[in-house]
């Protein structure tokens, strides 16, 4: 079993945490899967034990090999990278998810920063003074003669998240290859998209039949993906291990 990082946007992180997202699609690179068999889905033989044991059936040759899946094989794990930041504990509001971060302000008493995640809400406002390490969420005249908003108020991009800061671990349950536009409405729901209730009926037009493919296309193109090119994609199904 191997662990690999995988990036998700804030919306997709929320979908994973809510149990709505159980699959992700990523472009196969390079896109050289062409030939008379290119309209057929890829299959894995029963004896396949490695990601490079994927094959595409051909007409003249028994099989044509696919490149190894960069997201592993069944049983491997993916740790999620998302936008995050270490903050002073006072900045972690009630009900917000956080976990211990790096050692922060030396003591006594010492302060251990908390790791928070952009998908859970906006960056918490903090006021501080030169009487470090005093901080508060609201101006406090008893401690701050001239309270001022301060401190870092940005997020660390997901690409820079180290393993220790990740809160979500996924286990790969299935891997396959297909054309992007082969996705069905059920597949789109498994990608985490939910149709608005007012469109979930056959008695209205447009309805869910139109909404799902249009919504997934917008999602795909929002990250720079090429929908019209209909590329081959890895379809990686997973289940959440933590939290």
C-alpha atoms as a PDB file:
ATOM      1  CA  UNK A   1       0.000   0.000   0.000  1.00  0.00           C
ATOM      2  CA  UNK A   2       1.286   3.445  -0.967  1.00  0.00           C
ATOM      3  CA  UNK A   3       0.171   6.936  -0.047  1.00  0.00           C
ATOM      4  CA  UNK A   4       0.077   9.764  -2.588  1.00  0.00           C
ATOM      5  CA  UNK A   5      -1.067  13.397  -2.407  1.00  0.00           C
ATOM      6  CA  UNK A   6      -4.062  14.648  -4.373  1.00  0.00           C
ATOM      7  CA  UNK A   7      -5.372  18.219  -4.690  1.00  0.00           C
ATOM      8  CA  UNK A   8      -9.014  19.203  -4.237  1.00  0.00           C
ATOM      9  CA  UNK A   9     -10.768  22.567  -4.296  1.00  0.00           C
ATOM     10  CA  UNK A  10     -12.678  23.839  -1.280  1.00  0.00           C
ATOM     11  CA  UNK A  11     -16.043  22.884  -2.788  1.00  0.00           C
ATOM     12  CA  UNK A  12     -14.866  19.338  -3.446  1.00  0.00           C
ATOM     13  CA  UNK A  13     -13.383  19.047   0.056  1.00  0.00           C
ATOM     14  CA  UNK A  14     -16.776  19.966   1.506  1.00  0.00           C
ATOM     15  CA  UNK A  15     -18.434  17.392  -0.743  1.00  0.00           C
ATOM     16  CA  UNK A  16     -16.031  14.704   0.497  1.00  0.00           C
ATOM     17  CA  UNK A  17     -16.630  15.617   4.140  1.00  0.00           C
ATOM     18  CA  UNK A  18     -20.406  15.548   3.592  1.00  0.00           C
ATOM     19  CA  UNK A  19     -20.200  12.126   1.936  1.00  0.00           C
ATOM     20  CA  UNK A  20     -21.401  13.378  -1.449  1.00  0.00           C
ATOM     21  CA  UNK A  21     -18.158  12.888  -3.378  1.00  0.00           C
ATOM     22  CA  UNK A  22     -16.811   9.355  -3.814  1.00  0.00           C
ATOM     23  CA  UNK A  23     -15.020   9.624  -7.168  1.00  0.00           C
ATOM     24  CA  UNK A  24     -12.696  11.968  -9.034  1.00  0.00           C
ATOM     25  CA  UNK A  25     -11.689  12.269 -12.678  1.00  0.00           C
ATOM     26  CA  UNK A  26      -8.194  13.271 -13.756  1.00  0.00           C
ATOM     27  CA  UNK A  27      -6.799  13.556 -17.289  1.00  0.00           C
ATOM     28  CA  UNK A  28      -4.638  10.685 -18.531  1.00  0.00           C
ATOM     29  CA  UNK A  29      -1.217  12.011 -19.518  1.00  0.00           C
ATOM     30  CA  UNK A  30      -0.034  11.711 -22.201  1.00  0.00           C
ATOM     31  CA  UNK A  31      -3.135  11.439 -24.384  1.00  0.00           C
ATOM     32  CA  UNK A  32      -1.808   8.894 -26.879  1.00  0.00           C
ATOM     33  CA  UNK A  33      -4.644   6.359 -26.520  1.00  0.00           C
ATOM     34  CA  UNK A  34      -5.692   6.361 -30.162  1.00  0.00           C
ATOM     35  CA  UNK A  35      -6.636   3.606 -32.567  1.00  0.00           C
ATOM     36  CA  UNK A  36      -9.646   1.597 -33.749  1.00  0.00           C
ATOM     37  CA  UNK A  37     -10.288   0.547 -30.138  1.00  0.00           C
ATOM     38  CA  UNK A  38     -10.281   4.087 -28.725  1.00  0.00           C
ATOM     39  CA  UNK A  39     -14.065   4.228 -28.389  1.00  0.00           C
ATOM     40  CA  UNK A  40     -14.079   1.215 -26.064  1.00  0.00           C
ATOM     41  CA  UNK A  41     -13.587   1.475 -22.295  1.00  0.00           C
ATOM     42  CA  UNK A  42     -10.391   0.243 -20.706  1.00  0.00           C
ATOM     43  CA  UNK A  43     -10.506  -2.949 -18.682  1.00  0.00           C
ATOM     44  CA  UNK A  44      -8.206  -4.588 -16.173  1.00  0.00           C
ATOM     45  CA  UNK A  45      -7.590  -8.346 -16.381  1.00  0.00           C
ATOM     46  CA  UNK A  46      -8.494 -10.337 -13.310  1.00  0.00           C
ATOM     47  CA  UNK A  47      -4.846 -11.017 -12.531  1.00  0.00           C
ATOM     48  CA  UNK A  48      -3.971  -7.302 -12.518  1.00  0.00           C
ATOM     49  CA  UNK A  49      -1.995  -6.424  -9.415  1.00  0.00           C
ATOM     50  CA  UNK A  50      -0.359  -3.153 -10.394  1.00  0.00           C
ATOM     51  CA  UNK A  51      -1.511   0.126 -11.878  1.00  0.00           C
ATOM     52  CA  UNK A  52       0.466  -0.629 -15.051  1.00  0.00           C
ATOM     53  CA  UNK A  53      -1.580  -3.847 -15.540  1.00  0.00           C
ATOM     54  CA  UNK A  54      -4.315  -1.809 -17.229  1.00  0.00           C
ATOM     55  CA  UNK A  55      -4.928  -2.634 -20.864  1.00  0.00           C
ATOM     56  CA  UNK A  56      -6.968  -1.485 -23.827  1.00  0.00           C
ATOM     57  CA  UNK A  57      -8.283  -4.195 -26.180  1.00  0.00           C
ATOM     58  CA  UNK A  58      -7.346  -3.832 -29.847  1.00  0.00           C
ATOM     59  CA  UNK A  59      -8.486  -5.469 -33.035  1.00  0.00           C
ATOM     60  CA  UNK A  60      -5.151  -6.775 -34.319  1.00  0.00           C
ATOM     61  CA  UNK A  61      -3.131  -7.131 -31.113  1.00  0.00           C
ATOM     62  CA  UNK A  62      -4.222  -8.819 -27.879  1.00  0.00           C
ATOM     63  CA  UNK A  63      -3.707  -5.701 -25.765  1.00  0.00           C
ATOM     64  CA  UNK A  64      -2.164  -2.244 -25.791  1.00  0.00           C
ATOM     65  CA  UNK A  65      -0.680  -1.007 -22.526  1.00  0.00           C
ATOM     66  CA  UNK A  66      -1.848   2.109 -20.712  1.00  0.00           C
ATOM     67  CA  UNK A  67       0.533   4.328 -18.739  1.00  0.00           C
ATOM     68  CA  UNK A  68       0.606   3.667 -14.990  1.00  0.00           C
ATOM     69  CA  UNK A  69      -2.149   5.380 -13.031  1.00  0.00           C
ATOM     70  CA  UNK A  70      -0.476   8.201 -11.059  1.00  0.00           C
ATOM     71  CA  UNK A  71      -3.097   7.851  -8.331  1.00  0.00           C
ATOM     72  CA  UNK A  72      -2.230   4.252  -7.554  1.00  0.00           C
ATOM     73  CA  UNK A  73      -4.270   1.084  -7.506  1.00  0.00           C
ATOM     74  CA  UNK A  74      -7.027  -0.400  -5.391  1.00  0.00           C
ATOM     75  CA  UNK A  75      -6.009  -0.363  -1.746  1.00  0.00           C
ATOM     76  CA  UNK A  76      -3.612   2.564  -2.062  1.00  0.00           C
ATOM     77  CA  UNK A  77      -4.354   5.754  -0.178  1.00  0.00           C
ATOM     78  CA  UNK A  78      -4.590   9.411  -1.154  1.00  0.00           C
ATOM     79  CA  UNK A  79      -4.027  12.230   1.325  1.00  0.00           C
ATOM     80  CA  UNK A  80      -5.904  15.368   0.409  1.00  0.00           C
ATOM     81  CA  UNK A  81      -4.157  18.666  -0.152  1.00  0.00           C
ATOM     82  CA  UNK A  82      -6.331  21.751   0.386  1.00  0.00           C
ATOM     83  CA  UNK A  83      -5.834  25.443   1.232  1.00  0.00           C
ATOM     84  CA  UNK A  84      -4.822  25.778   4.882  1.00  0.00           C
ATOM     85  CA  UNK A  85      -3.029  27.890   7.457  1.00  0.00           C
ATOM     86  CA  UNK A  86      -1.577  27.675  10.961  1.00  0.00           C
ATOM     87  CA  UNK A  87      -3.142  30.232  13.343  1.00  0.00           C
ATOM     88  CA  UNK A  88      -3.074  31.211  17.005  1.00  0.00           C
ATOM     89  CA  UNK A  89      -5.555  29.053  19.006  1.00  0.00           C
ATOM     90  CA  UNK A  90      -7.692  32.076  19.869  1.00  0.00           C
ATOM     91  CA  UNK A  91      -8.507  32.403  16.163  1.00  0.00           C
ATOM     92  CA  UNK A  92     -10.213  29.020  16.025  1.00  0.00           C
ATOM     93  CA  UNK A  93     -13.871  29.747  16.640  1.00  0.00           C
ATOM     94  CA  UNK A  94     -16.272  27.346  18.282  1.00  0.00           C
ATOM     95  CA  UNK A  95     -17.355  24.534  15.976  1.00  0.00           C
ATOM     96  CA  UNK A  96     -14.558  25.082  13.470  1.00  0.00           C
ATOM     97  CA  UNK A  97     -12.427  22.098  12.530  1.00  0.00           C
ATOM     98  CA  UNK A  98      -8.793  22.384  13.600  1.00  0.00           C
ATOM     99  CA  UNK A  99      -5.947  20.124  14.557  1.00  0.00           C
ATOM    100  CA  UNK A 100      -2.592  20.779  16.255  1.00  0.00           C
ATOM    101  CA  UNK A 101      -0.152  22.547  13.978  1.00  0.00           C
ATOM    102  CA  UNK A 102       3.426  23.601  14.407  1.00  0.00           C
ATOM    103  CA  UNK A 103       5.002  24.872  17.611  1.00  0.00           C
ATOM    104  CA  UNK A 104       4.202  28.556  17.784  1.00  0.00           C
ATOM    105  CA  UNK A 105       4.988  31.124  20.468  1.00  0.00           C
ATOM    106  CA  UNK A 106       7.529  29.965  23.054  1.00  0.00           C
ATOM    107  CA  UNK A 107       6.462  29.881  26.694  1.00  0.00           C
ATOM    108  CA  UNK A 108       5.970  29.583  29.439  1.00  0.00           C
ATOM    109  CA  UNK A 109       3.253  28.909  28.689  1.00  0.00           C
ATOM    110  CA  UNK A 110       4.004  27.901  25.152  1.00  0.00           C
ATOM    111  CA  UNK A 111       1.456  28.239  22.361  1.00  0.00           C
ATOM    112  CA  UNK A 112       0.932  25.557  19.722  1.00  0.00           C
ATOM    113  CA  UNK A 113      -0.609  26.873  16.531  1.00  0.00           C
ATOM    114  CA  UNK A 114      -3.748  25.264  15.163  1.00  0.00           C
ATOM    115  CA  UNK A 115      -4.173  24.192  11.542  1.00  0.00           C
ATOM    116  CA  UNK A 116      -7.403  25.424   9.953  1.00  0.00           C
ATOM    117  CA  UNK A 117      -8.778  24.922   6.444  1.00  0.00           C
ATOM    118  CA  UNK A 118     -10.214  27.348   3.935  1.00  0.00           C
ATOM    119  CA  UNK A 119     -13.035  24.988   2.979  1.00  0.00           C
ATOM    120  CA  UNK A 120     -14.514  25.463   6.477  1.00  0.00           C
ATOM    121  CA  UNK A 121     -15.025  29.207   6.197  1.00  0.00           C
ATOM    122  CA  UNK A 122     -13.319  32.611   5.935  1.00  0.00           C
ATOM    123  CA  UNK A 123     -10.049  33.491   7.575  1.00  0.00           C
ATOM    124  CA  UNK A 124     -10.734  34.454  11.221  1.00  0.00           C
ATOM    125  CA  UNK A 125     -10.276  38.119  12.071  1.00  0.00           C
ATOM    126  CA  UNK A 126      -7.716  38.740  14.799  1.00  0.00           C
ATOM    127  CA  UNK A 127      -6.602  41.787  16.772  1.00  0.00           C
ATOM    128  CA  UNK A 128      -3.235  41.930  18.450  1.00  0.00           C
ATOM    129  CA  UNK A 129      -0.889  44.252  20.250  1.00  0.00           C
ATOM    130  CA  UNK A 130       2.821  44.434  20.927  1.00  0.00           C
ATOM    131  CA  UNK A 131       2.186  42.645  24.211  1.00  0.00           C
ATOM    132  CA  UNK A 132       2.799  39.441  22.324  1.00  0.00           C
ATOM    133  CA  UNK A 133       1.365  36.763  22.577  1.00  0.00           C
ATOM    134  CA  UNK A 134      -1.901  38.480  23.563  1.00  0.00           C
ATOM    135  CA  UNK A 135      -4.498  38.202  20.844  1.00  0.00           C
ATOM    136  CA  UNK A 136      -8.271  38.422  20.700  1.00  0.00           C
ATOM    137  CA  UNK A 137     -11.089  38.181  18.173  1.00  0.00           C
ATOM    138  CA  UNK A 138     -12.633  41.515  19.203  1.00  0.00           C
ATOM    139  CA  UNK A 139     -11.016  44.791  20.326  1.00  0.00           C
ATOM    140  CA  UNK A 140     -10.468  44.714  24.079  1.00  0.00           C
ATOM    141  CA  UNK A 141      -9.818  48.142  25.668  1.00  0.00           C
ATOM    142  CA  UNK A 142      -8.543  46.447  28.840  1.00  0.00           C
ATOM    143  CA  UNK A 143      -5.576  45.082  26.916  1.00  0.00           C
ATOM    144  CA  UNK A 144      -5.372  47.172  23.776  1.00  0.00           C
ATOM    145  CA  UNK A 145      -5.178  50.935  24.086  1.00  0.00           C
ATOM    146  CA  UNK A 146      -5.317  51.294  20.313  1.00  0.00           C
ATOM    147  CA  UNK A 147      -6.575  47.979  18.962  1.00  0.00           C
ATOM    148  CA  UNK A 148      -5.644  47.303  15.383  1.00  0.00           C
ATOM    149  CA  UNK A 149      -6.357  44.511  13.002  1.00  0.00           C
ATOM    150  CA  UNK A 150      -3.141  42.664  12.342  1.00  0.00           C
ATOM    151  CA  UNK A 151      -1.416  39.413  11.727  1.00  0.00           C
ATOM    152  CA  UNK A 152      -1.303  37.308   8.585  1.00  0.00           C
ATOM    153  CA  UNK A 153      -4.723  36.943   6.988  1.00  0.00           C
ATOM    154  CA  UNK A 154      -3.975  34.782   3.977  1.00  0.00           C
ATOM    155  CA  UNK A 155      -4.122  31.110   3.090  1.00  0.00           C
ATOM    156  CA  UNK A 156      -1.339  28.737   2.150  1.00  0.00           C
ATOM    157  CA  UNK A 157      -2.092  27.206  -1.290  1.00  0.00           C
ATOM    158  CA  UNK A 158      -2.999  23.533  -1.319  1.00  0.00           C
ATOM    159  CA  UNK A 159       0.064  22.617  -3.394  1.00  0.00           C
ATOM    160  CA  UNK A 160       2.230  23.601  -0.412  1.00  0.00           C
ATOM    161  CA  UNK A 161       0.396  21.466   2.152  1.00  0.00           C
ATOM    162  CA  UNK A 162       2.722  18.965   3.870  1.00  0.00           C
ATOM    163  CA  UNK A 163       1.547  15.496   4.824  1.00  0.00           C
ATOM    164  CA  UNK A 164       1.267  16.323   8.537  1.00  0.00           C
ATOM    165  CA  UNK A 165      -1.234  19.136   7.872  1.00  0.00           C
ATOM    166  CA  UNK A 166      -3.640  16.961   5.855  1.00  0.00           C
ATOM    167  CA  UNK A 167      -6.885  16.029   7.613  1.00  0.00           C
ATOM    168  CA  UNK A 168      -8.468  13.780   4.959  1.00  0.00           C
ATOM    169  CA  UNK A 169      -7.204  10.347   3.962  1.00  0.00           C
ATOM    170  CA  UNK A 170      -8.906   8.400   1.158  1.00  0.00           C
ATOM    171  CA  UNK A 171      -8.618   4.753   0.147  1.00  0.00           C
ATOM    172  CA  UNK A 172      -8.815   3.876  -3.556  1.00  0.00           C
ATOM    173  CA  UNK A 173     -11.607   1.346  -4.158  1.00  0.00           C
ATOM    174  CA  UNK A 174     -11.657   1.213  -7.971  1.00  0.00           C
ATOM    175  CA  UNK A 175      -9.799   2.610 -10.982  1.00  0.00           C
ATOM    176  CA  UNK A 176     -10.853   2.681 -14.620  1.00  0.00           C
ATOM    177  CA  UNK A 177     -10.300   4.724 -17.776  1.00  0.00           C
ATOM    178  CA  UNK A 178     -12.982   6.277 -19.959  1.00  0.00           C
ATOM    179  CA  UNK A 179     -13.715   9.289 -22.118  1.00  0.00           C
ATOM    180  CA  UNK A 180     -14.645  12.406 -20.149  1.00  0.00           C
ATOM    181  CA  UNK A 181     -18.012  12.870 -21.861  1.00  0.00           C
ATOM    182  CA  UNK A 182     -18.999   9.271 -21.093  1.00  0.00           C
ATOM    183  CA  UNK A 183     -19.961  10.415 -17.598  1.00  0.00           C
ATOM    184  CA  UNK A 184     -23.560   9.668 -16.579  1.00  0.00           C
ATOM    185  CA  UNK A 185     -25.879  11.588 -14.251  1.00  0.00           C
ATOM    186  CA  UNK A 186     -25.237   9.011 -11.522  1.00  0.00           C
ATOM    187  CA  UNK A 187     -21.490   9.514 -12.045  1.00  0.00           C
ATOM    188  CA  UNK A 188     -21.918  13.283 -11.762  1.00  0.00           C
ATOM    189  CA  UNK A 189     -23.768  12.898  -8.462  1.00  0.00           C
ATOM    190  CA  UNK A 190     -20.889  10.736  -7.223  1.00  0.00           C
ATOM    191  CA  UNK A 191     -18.585  13.619  -8.181  1.00  0.00           C
ATOM    192  CA  UNK A 192     -20.324  15.643  -5.475  1.00  0.00           C
ATOM    193  CA  UNK A 193     -22.786  17.741  -7.488  1.00  0.00           C
ATOM    194  CA  UNK A 194     -26.366  18.065  -6.249  1.00  0.00           C
ATOM    195  CA  UNK A 195     -29.182  19.311  -8.482  1.00  0.00           C
ATOM    196  CA  UNK A 196     -31.269  22.200  -7.084  1.00  0.00           C
ATOM    197  CA  UNK A 197     -34.579  20.846  -5.678  1.00  0.00           C
ATOM    198  CA  UNK A 198     -36.665  23.016  -8.009  1.00  0.00           C
ATOM    199  CA  UNK A 199     -35.159  21.216 -11.039  1.00  0.00           C
ATOM    200  CA  UNK A 200     -35.472  17.666  -9.679  1.00  0.00           C
ATOM    201  CA  UNK A 201     -38.693  16.887 -11.546  1.00  0.00           C
ATOM    202  CA  UNK A 202     -39.747  15.728 -14.991  1.00  0.00           C
ATOM    203  CA  UNK A 203     -42.504  18.354 -14.936  1.00  0.00           C
ATOM    204  CA  UNK A 204     -40.198  21.352 -15.309  1.00  0.00           C
ATOM    205  CA  UNK A 205     -37.923  22.429 -18.122  1.00  0.00           C
ATOM    206  CA  UNK A 206     -35.009  22.676 -17.948  1.00  0.00           C
ATOM    207  CA  UNK A 207     -34.721  19.974 -15.309  1.00  0.00           C
ATOM    208  CA  UNK A 208     -32.141  17.677 -13.771  1.00  0.00           C
ATOM    209  CA  UNK A 209     -31.550  15.892 -17.097  1.00  0.00           C
ATOM    210  CA  UNK A 210     -30.069  19.119 -18.486  1.00  0.00           C
ATOM    211  CA  UNK A 211     -28.617  20.482 -15.240  1.00  0.00           C
ATOM    212  CA  UNK A 212     -26.221  17.649 -14.401  1.00  0.00           C
ATOM    213  CA  UNK A 213     -24.144  17.560 -17.616  1.00  0.00           C
ATOM    214  CA  UNK A 214     -24.063  21.357 -17.818  1.00  0.00           C
ATOM    215  CA  UNK A 215     -22.993  21.666 -14.174  1.00  0.00           C
ATOM    216  CA  UNK A 216     -20.207  19.112 -14.519  1.00  0.00           C
ATOM    217  CA  UNK A 217     -18.953  20.774 -17.683  1.00  0.00           C
ATOM    218  CA  UNK A 218     -18.771  24.114 -15.838  1.00  0.00           C
ATOM    219  CA  UNK A 219     -16.933  22.436 -12.961  1.00  0.00           C
ATOM    220  CA  UNK A 220     -14.454  20.775 -15.314  1.00  0.00           C
ATOM    221  CA  UNK A 221     -13.752  23.955 -17.279  1.00  0.00           C
ATOM    222  CA  UNK A 222     -13.454  26.055 -14.094  1.00  0.00           C
ATOM    223  CA  UNK A 223     -10.130  24.323 -13.377  1.00  0.00           C
ATOM    224  CA  UNK A 224      -8.838  24.771 -16.930  1.00  0.00           C
ATOM    225  CA  UNK A 225     -10.059  21.395 -18.198  1.00  0.00           C
ATOM    226  CA  UNK A 226     -10.905  20.818 -21.866  1.00  0.00           C
ATOM    227  CA  UNK A 227     -14.454  19.477 -22.085  1.00  0.00           C
ATOM    228  CA  UNK A 228     -14.799  19.817 -25.854  1.00  0.00           C
ATOM    229  CA  UNK A 229     -11.622  17.767 -26.386  1.00  0.00           C
ATOM    230  CA  UNK A 230     -13.252  14.804 -24.614  1.00  0.00           C
ATOM    231  CA  UNK A 231      -9.949  13.463 -23.237  1.00  0.00           C
ATOM    232  CA  UNK A 232      -9.336  10.063 -21.698  1.00  0.00           C
ATOM    233  CA  UNK A 233      -9.562  10.341 -17.919  1.00  0.00           C
ATOM    234  CA  UNK A 234      -8.670   8.235 -14.922  1.00  0.00           C
ATOM    235  CA  UNK A 235     -11.809   7.534 -12.895  1.00  0.00           C
ATOM    236  CA  UNK A 236     -10.666   6.977  -9.323  1.00  0.00           C
ATOM    237  CA  UNK A 237     -13.289   5.820  -6.818  1.00  0.00           C
ATOM    238  CA  UNK A 238     -12.542   6.110  -3.117  1.00  0.00           C
ATOM    239  CA  UNK A 239     -13.865   5.912   0.408  1.00  0.00           C
ATOM    240  CA  UNK A 240     -12.949   8.226   3.238  1.00  0.00           C
ATOM    241  CA  UNK A 241     -10.668   6.763   5.903  1.00  0.00           C
ATOM    242  CA  UNK A 242     -10.190   9.907   8.030  1.00  0.00           C
ATOM    243  CA  UNK A 243     -11.518  11.992   9.636  1.00  0.00           C
END
